[in-house]
Amino acid sequence: MQQSDDVTLLIHAWQGGESGALEKLLPVVYADLRAMAARLLAGESASTLQPTELLHDTLLKVLRVDALRIVDRRHFFSAFARLMRHLIVDRIREARAEKRGGDWERVDLIEAINLPLPHDMDIERLHVAIDDLDQVDARLARIVELRYFVGLTMQDIAKALEVDERTVYRGWAVARSWLQKQMAP
């Protein structure tokens, strides 16, 4: 009971703006907070977070929130658990987000550049696939058009699109991989 009272007093001192209160509070609660983070991440295979990283991200978030008013030890740990849970969910959503590739399969860049487009391509299917690619990423569709139909070099495509040549190589690798998947029977 004494530690609970001590933590509550340190929380009140920290919330009251007392200098050095947070530095006194953190060593007292750190092990418990890290253990909580480890428990929250225990069965979570979709997150790449480590317990210490989750704890530190949560601490940073708490320190940025001025409106957070914690009344006692129980409320403190409850608030941290909720913030940790939100951070885990945010990370998982971020990893699955379409702008980060969503469910695209990751392929080594050199391997992807050398992936052949099917030889017996149905031009109508290719046209539809390029239109679909255009909806996902217009630059990738332009790269395919300029490379496959016009026959430009990567350097010429980079000049035409006003981007770095490495961007074109990466785009071509992604587009080829994507088209190969779309064109598969």
C-alpha atoms as a PDB file:
ATOM      1  CA  MET A   1       0.000   0.000   0.000  1.00  0.00           C
ATOM      2  CA  GLN A   2       2.899   2.336   0.765  1.00  0.00           C
ATOM      3  CA  GLN A   3       4.275   2.114  -2.816  1.00  0.00           C
ATOM      4  CA  SER A   4       0.808   2.849  -4.200  1.00  0.00           C
ATOM      5  CA  ASP A   5       0.575   5.958  -2.023  1.00  0.00           C
ATOM      6  CA  ASP A   6       4.105   7.006  -2.996  1.00  0.00           C
ATOM      7  CA  VAL A   7       3.285   6.651  -6.686  1.00  0.00           C
ATOM      8  CA  THR A   8       0.092   8.659  -6.260  1.00  0.00           C
ATOM      9  CA  LEU A   9       1.995  11.415  -4.444  1.00  0.00           C
ATOM     10  CA  LEU A  10       4.635  11.496  -7.195  1.00  0.00           C
ATOM     11  CA  ILE A  11       1.887  11.608  -9.840  1.00  0.00           C
ATOM     12  CA  HIS A  12       0.240  14.564  -8.087  1.00  0.00           C
ATOM     13  CA  ALA A  13       3.603  16.328  -7.797  1.00  0.00           C
ATOM     14  CA  TRP A  14       4.327  15.717 -11.501  1.00  0.00           C
ATOM     15  CA  GLN A  15       0.850  16.830 -12.551  1.00  0.00           C
ATOM     16  CA  GLY A  16       1.222  19.872 -10.320  1.00  0.00           C
ATOM     17  CA  GLY A  17       4.340  20.883 -12.217  1.00  0.00           C
ATOM     18  CA  GLU A  18       6.816  20.153  -9.438  1.00  0.00           C
ATOM     19  CA  SER A  19      10.353  20.171 -10.759  1.00  0.00           C
ATOM     20  CA  GLY A  20      11.986  16.743 -10.746  1.00  0.00           C
ATOM     21  CA  ALA A  21       8.794  14.848  -9.899  1.00  0.00           C
ATOM     22  CA  LEU A  22       8.732  12.982 -13.188  1.00  0.00           C
ATOM     23  CA  GLU A  23      12.382  11.973 -12.737  1.00  0.00           C
ATOM     24  CA  LYS A  24      11.438  10.486  -9.364  1.00  0.00           C
ATOM     25  CA  LEU A  25       8.258   8.826 -10.671  1.00  0.00           C
ATOM     26  CA  LEU A  26       9.700   7.038 -13.705  1.00  0.00           C
ATOM     27  CA  PRO A  27      12.184   4.774 -11.879  1.00  0.00           C
ATOM     28  CA  VAL A  28       9.417   3.704  -9.495  1.00  0.00           C
ATOM     29  CA  VAL A  29       6.938   2.700 -12.236  1.00  0.00           C
ATOM     30  CA  TYR A  30       9.261   1.835 -15.149  1.00  0.00           C
ATOM     31  CA  ALA A  31       9.520  -1.920 -14.506  1.00  0.00           C
ATOM     32  CA  ASP A  32       5.753  -2.252 -14.107  1.00  0.00           C
ATOM     33  CA  LEU A  33       5.091  -0.240 -17.270  1.00  0.00           C
ATOM     34  CA  ARG A  34       7.592  -2.299 -19.261  1.00  0.00           C
ATOM     35  CA  ALA A  35       6.031  -5.529 -18.005  1.00  0.00           C
ATOM     36  CA  MET A  36       2.612  -4.182 -19.050  1.00  0.00           C
ATOM     37  CA  ALA A  37       3.974  -3.405 -22.513  1.00  0.00           C
ATOM     38  CA  ALA A  38       5.422  -6.924 -22.775  1.00  0.00           C
ATOM     39  CA  ARG A  39       2.059  -8.463 -21.806  1.00  0.00           C
ATOM     40  CA  LEU A  40       0.209  -6.340 -24.361  1.00  0.00           C
ATOM     41  CA  LEU A  41       2.632  -7.400 -27.107  1.00  0.00           C
ATOM     42  CA  ALA A  42       2.866 -11.057 -26.030  1.00  0.00           C
ATOM     43  CA  GLY A  43       0.359 -12.528 -28.474  1.00  0.00           C
ATOM     44  CA  GLU A  44       0.638  -9.821 -31.113  1.00  0.00           C
ATOM     45  CA  SER A  45       2.502 -11.138 -34.130  1.00  0.00           C
ATOM     46  CA  ALA A  46       1.299  -8.366 -36.469  1.00  0.00           C
ATOM     47  CA  SER A  47       3.283  -5.710 -34.614  1.00  0.00           C
ATOM     48  CA  THR A  48       7.035  -5.308 -34.826  1.00  0.00           C
ATOM     49  CA  LEU A  49       7.153  -3.233 -31.648  1.00  0.00           C
ATOM     50  CA  GLN A  50       9.361  -4.264 -28.766  1.00  0.00           C
ATOM     51  CA  PRO A  51       8.168  -3.669 -25.171  1.00  0.00           C
ATOM     52  CA  THR A  52      10.773  -0.976 -24.450  1.00  0.00           C
ATOM     53  CA  GLU A  53       9.986   0.818 -27.705  1.00  0.00           C
ATOM     54  CA  LEU A  54       6.248   0.715 -26.943  1.00  0.00           C
ATOM     55  CA  LEU A  55       6.867   2.059 -23.443  1.00  0.00           C
ATOM     56  CA  HIS A  56       9.085   4.895 -24.667  1.00  0.00           C
ATOM     57  CA  ASP A  57       6.630   5.858 -27.431  1.00  0.00           C
ATOM     58  CA  THR A  58       3.863   5.912 -24.823  1.00  0.00           C
ATOM     59  CA  LEU A  59       5.936   8.067 -22.475  1.00  0.00           C
ATOM     60  CA  LEU A  60       6.578  10.535 -25.285  1.00  0.00           C
ATOM     61  CA  LYS A  61       2.879  10.671 -26.040  1.00  0.00           C
ATOM     62  CA  VAL A  62       2.006  11.234 -22.375  1.00  0.00           C
ATOM     63  CA  LEU A  63       4.553  14.028 -22.098  1.00  0.00           C
ATOM     64  CA  ARG A  64       3.040  15.790 -25.139  1.00  0.00           C
ATOM     65  CA  VAL A  65      -0.517  15.682 -23.792  1.00  0.00           C
ATOM     66  CA  ASP A  66      -1.200  18.647 -21.540  1.00  0.00           C
ATOM     67  CA  ALA A  67      -4.854  17.800 -20.873  1.00  0.00           C
ATOM     68  CA  LEU A  68      -4.101  14.384 -19.351  1.00  0.00           C
ATOM     69  CA  ARG A  69      -5.100  14.557 -15.685  1.00  0.00           C
ATOM     70  CA  ILE A  70      -4.204  11.451 -13.707  1.00  0.00           C
ATOM     71  CA  VAL A  71      -5.634  11.108 -10.225  1.00  0.00           C
ATOM     72  CA  ASP A  72      -3.921   8.052  -8.762  1.00  0.00           C
ATOM     73  CA  ARG A  73      -1.748   4.993  -9.408  1.00  0.00           C
ATOM     74  CA  ARG A  74      -4.607   2.895 -10.794  1.00  0.00           C
ATOM     75  CA  HIS A  75      -5.648   5.658 -13.180  1.00  0.00           C
ATOM     76  CA  PHE A  76      -1.998   6.121 -14.213  1.00  0.00           C
ATOM     77  CA  PHE A  77      -1.584   2.482 -15.229  1.00  0.00           C
ATOM     78  CA  SER A  78      -5.008   2.390 -16.853  1.00  0.00           C
ATOM     79  CA  ALA A  79      -4.158   5.445 -18.967  1.00  0.00           C
ATOM     80  CA  PHE A  80      -0.828   3.924 -19.986  1.00  0.00           C
ATOM     81  CA  ALA A  81      -2.495   0.621 -20.924  1.00  0.00           C
ATOM     82  CA  ARG A  82      -5.024   2.430 -23.116  1.00  0.00           C
ATOM     83  CA  LEU A  83      -2.350   4.554 -24.817  1.00  0.00           C
ATOM     84  CA  MET A  84      -0.175   1.489 -25.422  1.00  0.00           C
ATOM     85  CA  ARG A  85      -3.106  -0.360 -26.950  1.00  0.00           C
ATOM     86  CA  HIS A  86      -3.804   2.581 -29.273  1.00  0.00           C
ATOM     87  CA  LEU A  87      -0.146   2.754 -30.307  1.00  0.00           C
ATOM     88  CA  ILE A  88      -0.118  -0.980 -31.115  1.00  0.00           C
ATOM     89  CA  VAL A  89      -3.267  -0.668 -33.230  1.00  0.00           C
ATOM     90  CA  ASP A  90      -1.903   2.431 -34.983  1.00  0.00           C
ATOM     91  CA  ARG A  91       1.316   0.598 -35.857  1.00  0.00           C
ATOM     92  CA  ILE A  92      -0.590  -2.398 -37.227  1.00  0.00           C
ATOM     93  CA  ARG A  93      -2.859  -0.145 -39.293  1.00  0.00           C
ATOM     94  CA  GLU A  94       0.151   1.772 -40.565  1.00  0.00           C
ATOM     95  CA  ALA A  95       1.863  -1.430 -41.631  1.00  0.00           C
ATOM     96  CA  ARG A  96      -1.241  -2.590 -43.469  1.00  0.00           C
ATOM     97  CA  ALA A  97      -2.003   0.765 -45.071  1.00  0.00           C
ATOM     98  CA  GLU A  98      -2.337   0.867 -48.845  1.00  0.00           C
ATOM     99  CA  LYS A  99       0.136   3.708 -49.147  1.00  0.00           C
ATOM    100  CA  ARG A 100       2.754   1.401 -47.667  1.00  0.00           C
ATOM    101  CA  GLY A 101       2.011  -1.383 -50.101  1.00  0.00           C
ATOM    102  CA  GLY A 102      -0.874  -3.004 -48.214  1.00  0.00           C
ATOM    103  CA  ASP A 103      -0.915  -6.659 -49.111  1.00  0.00           C
ATOM    104  CA  TRP A 104       1.614  -6.377 -51.942  1.00  0.00           C
ATOM    105  CA  GLU A 105       4.219  -9.075 -51.869  1.00  0.00           C
ATOM    106  CA  ARG A 106       7.714  -7.816 -51.142  1.00  0.00           C
ATOM    107  CA  VAL A 107      10.329  -8.845 -53.699  1.00  0.00           C
ATOM    108  CA  ASP A 108      14.050  -8.099 -53.841  1.00  0.00           C
ATOM    109  CA  LEU A 109      14.668  -5.160 -56.216  1.00  0.00           C
ATOM    110  CA  ILE A 110      17.189  -6.923 -58.435  1.00  0.00           C
ATOM    111  CA  GLU A 111      14.950  -9.980 -58.594  1.00  0.00           C
ATOM    112  CA  ALA A 112      11.948  -7.831 -59.502  1.00  0.00           C
ATOM    113  CA  ILE A 113      13.785  -5.966 -62.274  1.00  0.00           C
ATOM    114  CA  ASN A 114      14.580  -9.282 -63.897  1.00  0.00           C
ATOM    115  CA  LEU A 115      11.065 -10.724 -63.633  1.00  0.00           C
ATOM    116  CA  PRO A 116       9.838 -11.343 -67.148  1.00  0.00           C
ATOM    117  CA  LEU A 117       6.478 -10.100 -68.277  1.00  0.00           C
ATOM    118  CA  PRO A 118       4.523 -12.987 -69.790  1.00  0.00           C
ATOM    119  CA  HIS A 119       5.474 -13.609 -73.449  1.00  0.00           C
ATOM    120  CA  ASP A 120       2.016 -14.559 -74.586  1.00  0.00           C
ATOM    121  CA  MET A 121       0.343 -11.474 -73.152  1.00  0.00           C
ATOM    122  CA  ASP A 122      -3.209 -10.668 -73.996  1.00  0.00           C
ATOM    123  CA  ILE A 123      -3.016  -6.984 -74.973  1.00  0.00           C
ATOM    124  CA  GLU A 124      -6.568  -6.352 -73.757  1.00  0.00           C
ATOM    125  CA  ARG A 125      -5.744  -7.819 -70.343  1.00  0.00           C
ATOM    126  CA  LEU A 126      -2.531  -5.813 -70.272  1.00  0.00           C
ATOM    127  CA  HIS A 127      -4.480  -2.647 -71.093  1.00  0.00           C
ATOM    128  CA  VAL A 128      -6.934  -3.335 -68.250  1.00  0.00           C
ATOM    129  CA  ALA A 129      -4.060  -4.163 -65.894  1.00  0.00           C
ATOM    130  CA  ILE A 130      -2.257  -0.908 -66.750  1.00  0.00           C
ATOM    131  CA  ASP A 131      -5.504   1.021 -66.194  1.00  0.00           C
ATOM    132  CA  ASP A 132      -5.842  -0.689 -62.802  1.00  0.00           C
ATOM    133  CA  LEU A 133      -2.223   0.155 -62.023  1.00  0.00           C
ATOM    134  CA  ASP A 134      -2.938   3.758 -63.001  1.00  0.00           C
ATOM    135  CA  GLN A 135      -5.606   3.856 -60.269  1.00  0.00           C
ATOM    136  CA  VAL A 136      -3.058   2.616 -57.725  1.00  0.00           C
ATOM    137  CA  ASP A 137      -0.061   4.656 -58.879  1.00  0.00           C
ATOM    138  CA  ALA A 138      -0.140   6.779 -62.029  1.00  0.00           C
ATOM    139  CA  ARG A 139       3.658   7.102 -62.207  1.00  0.00           C
ATOM    140  CA  LEU A 140       4.070   3.317 -62.280  1.00  0.00           C
ATOM    141  CA  ALA A 141       1.584   3.092 -65.153  1.00  0.00           C
ATOM    142  CA  ARG A 142       3.533   5.775 -67.077  1.00  0.00           C
ATOM    143  CA  ILE A 143       6.781   3.882 -66.507  1.00  0.00           C
ATOM    144  CA  VAL A 144       5.241   0.701 -67.924  1.00  0.00           C
ATOM    145  CA  GLU A 145       3.875   2.529 -70.936  1.00  0.00           C
ATOM    146  CA  LEU A 146       7.162   4.269 -71.679  1.00  0.00           C
ATOM    147  CA  ARG A 147       9.285   1.171 -71.133  1.00  0.00           C
ATOM    148  CA  TYR A 148       7.113  -1.555 -72.622  1.00  0.00           C
ATOM    149  CA  PHE A 149       5.278   0.202 -75.433  1.00  0.00           C
ATOM    150  CA  VAL A 150       7.637   3.043 -76.347  1.00  0.00           C
ATOM    151  CA  GLY A 151      10.854   1.176 -75.534  1.00  0.00           C
ATOM    152  CA  LEU A 152      12.576   4.035 -73.710  1.00  0.00           C
ATOM    153  CA  THR A 153      15.620   3.395 -71.552  1.00  0.00           C
ATOM    154  CA  MET A 154      15.428   3.944 -67.810  1.00  0.00           C
ATOM    155  CA  GLN A 155      17.473   7.109 -68.239  1.00  0.00           C
ATOM    156  CA  ASP A 156      15.073   8.450 -70.892  1.00  0.00           C
ATOM    157  CA  ILE A 157      12.063   7.601 -68.745  1.00  0.00           C
ATOM    158  CA  ALA A 158      13.638   9.444 -65.803  1.00  0.00           C
ATOM    159  CA  LYS A 159      14.107  12.520 -67.980  1.00  0.00           C
ATOM    160  CA  ALA A 160      10.576  12.283 -69.381  1.00  0.00           C
ATOM    161  CA  LEU A 161       9.016  11.968 -65.928  1.00  0.00           C
ATOM    162  CA  GLU A 162      11.477  14.402 -64.339  1.00  0.00           C
ATOM    163  CA  VAL A 163      12.468  11.959 -61.600  1.00  0.00           C
ATOM    164  CA  ASP A 164      15.659  10.296 -60.486  1.00  0.00           C
ATOM    165  CA  GLU A 165      16.749   7.236 -62.471  1.00  0.00           C
ATOM    166  CA  ARG A 166      16.714   5.127 -59.296  1.00  0.00           C
ATOM    167  CA  THR A 167      13.058   6.037 -58.861  1.00  0.00           C
ATOM    168  CA  VAL A 168      12.374   4.677 -62.342  1.00  0.00           C
ATOM    169  CA  TYR A 169      14.230   1.427 -61.604  1.00  0.00           C
ATOM    170  CA  ARG A 170      12.285   0.941 -58.386  1.00  0.00           C
ATOM    171  CA  GLY A 171       9.019   1.829 -60.119  1.00  0.00           C
ATOM    172  CA  TRP A 172       9.715  -0.551 -63.002  1.00  0.00           C
ATOM    173  CA  ALA A 173      10.478  -3.354 -60.540  1.00  0.00           C
ATOM    174  CA  VAL A 174       7.272  -2.759 -58.598  1.00  0.00           C
ATOM    175  CA  ALA A 175       5.168  -2.361 -61.744  1.00  0.00           C
ATOM    176  CA  ARG A 176       6.558  -5.523 -63.362  1.00  0.00           C
ATOM    177  CA  SER A 177       5.930  -7.538 -60.232  1.00  0.00           C
ATOM    178  CA  TRP A 178       2.418  -6.116 -59.943  1.00  0.00           C
ATOM    179  CA  LEU A 179       1.620  -6.712 -63.615  1.00  0.00           C
ATOM    180  CA  GLN A 180       2.986 -10.242 -63.483  1.00  0.00           C
ATOM    181  CA  LYS A 181       0.645 -10.965 -60.599  1.00  0.00           C
ATOM    182  CA  GLN A 182      -2.298  -9.349 -62.410  1.00  0.00           C
ATOM    183  CA  MET A 183      -1.571 -11.110 -65.686  1.00  0.00           C
ATOM    184  CA  ALA A 184      -1.130 -14.554 -64.121  1.00  0.00           C
ATOM    185  CA  PRO A 185      -3.774 -17.049 -65.278  1.00  0.00           C
END
